[in-house]
Amino acid sequence: MLKKSNNIGLILKDKGDLAGALEYAKKALTIDEKSQDEVKMALRYNNIGYILQDMKKESEAQEYFKKASEIERYLNRYN
């Protein structure tokens, strides 16, 4: 399910359906949060940030980039 959600999101983004891409990216993030997969969570936060940037929602995008950065710093500190 996760891989399918992520792939559908990427396809929709490539086709210009940013709202659909955002929906699927958030579904993938929810699955990663439930499994506590921090590496994938950071990736999803970045993906959502890029989609939001494409939607011209800069401040919301920056929130997601910040979350990704915080996870990446945490992972680098303990790995």
Protein backbone atom coordinates (compact mmCIF):
# COMPACT_ATOMS: atom_id res chain seq x y z
CA MET A 1 0.00 0.00 0.00
CA LEU A 2 2.75 2.45 0.93
CA LYS A 3 4.74 1.97 -2.24
CA LYS A 4 1.54 2.23 -4.26
CA SER A 5 0.54 5.52 -2.56
CA ASN A 6 3.97 7.00 -3.10
CA ASN A 7 4.12 5.93 -6.76
CA ILE A 8 0.63 7.25 -7.49
CA GLY A 9 1.59 10.54 -5.86
CA LEU A 10 4.68 10.86 -8.05
CA ILE A 11 2.71 10.06 -11.21
CA LEU A 12 0.06 12.64 -10.31
CA LYS A 13 2.75 15.27 -9.63
CA ASP A 14 4.35 14.58 -13.00
CA LYS A 15 0.94 14.99 -14.66
CA GLY A 16 0.38 18.30 -12.89
CA ASP A 17 -2.28 17.07 -10.45
CA LEU A 18 -0.67 18.64 -7.41
CA ALA A 19 -3.72 18.30 -5.17
CA GLY A 20 -3.88 14.57 -5.91
CA ALA A 21 -0.13 14.22 -5.42
CA LEU A 22 -0.38 15.97 -2.06
CA GLU A 23 -3.19 13.67 -0.96
CA TYR A 24 -1.20 10.53 -1.76
CA ALA A 25 2.02 11.92 -0.25
CA LYS A 26 0.16 12.59 2.99
CA LYS A 27 -1.27 9.05 2.95
CA ALA A 28 2.26 7.67 2.60
CA LEU A 29 3.42 9.91 5.46
CA THR A 30 0.62 8.63 7.71
CA ILE A 31 1.72 5.05 7.09
CA ASP A 32 5.36 5.94 7.84
CA GLU A 33 4.34 7.72 11.04
CA LYS A 34 2.41 4.67 12.22
CA SER A 35 5.42 2.43 11.57
CA GLN A 36 7.76 5.08 13.07
CA ASP A 37 10.07 4.87 10.06
CA GLU A 38 11.94 8.14 10.55
CA VAL A 39 14.04 7.86 7.40
CA LYS A 40 10.95 7.54 5.24
CA MET A 41 9.15 10.21 7.25
CA ALA A 42 11.91 12.70 6.44
CA LEU A 43 11.64 11.77 2.77
CA ARG A 44 7.86 12.22 2.79
CA TYR A 45 8.10 15.58 4.56
CA ASN A 46 10.49 16.75 1.85
CA ASN A 47 8.24 15.40 -0.92
CA ILE A 48 5.24 17.20 0.56
CA GLY A 49 7.32 20.37 0.85
CA TYR A 50 8.22 20.23 -2.84
CA ILE A 51 4.60 19.66 -3.84
CA LEU A 52 3.51 22.60 -1.70
CA GLN A 53 6.21 24.76 -3.29
CA ASP A 54 4.86 23.85 -6.71
CA MET A 55 1.42 24.89 -5.41
CA LYS A 56 2.93 28.26 -4.40
CA LYS A 57 2.32 27.56 -0.70
CA GLU A 58 5.79 28.59 0.45
CA SER A 59 5.16 29.02 4.17
CA GLU A 60 3.43 25.65 4.47
CA ALA A 61 6.21 24.05 2.40
CA GLN A 62 8.83 25.49 4.76
CA GLU A 63 7.08 23.84 7.71
CA TYR A 64 7.45 20.43 6.06
CA PHE A 65 11.08 21.09 5.10
CA LYS A 66 11.77 22.07 8.71
CA LYS A 67 10.25 18.80 9.98
CA ALA A 68 12.37 16.82 7.52
CA SER A 69 15.48 18.71 8.59
CA GLU A 70 14.80 18.07 12.28
CA ILE A 71 14.46 14.34 11.67
CA GLU A 72 17.61 14.27 9.54
CA ARG A 73 19.61 16.09 12.25
CA TYR A 74 18.28 13.67 14.88
CA LEU A 75 19.19 10.65 12.75
CA ASN A 76 22.68 12.00 12.01
CA ARG A 77 23.27 12.62 15.70
CA TYR A 78 22.45 9.06 16.73
CA ASN A 79 23.70 7.06 13.74
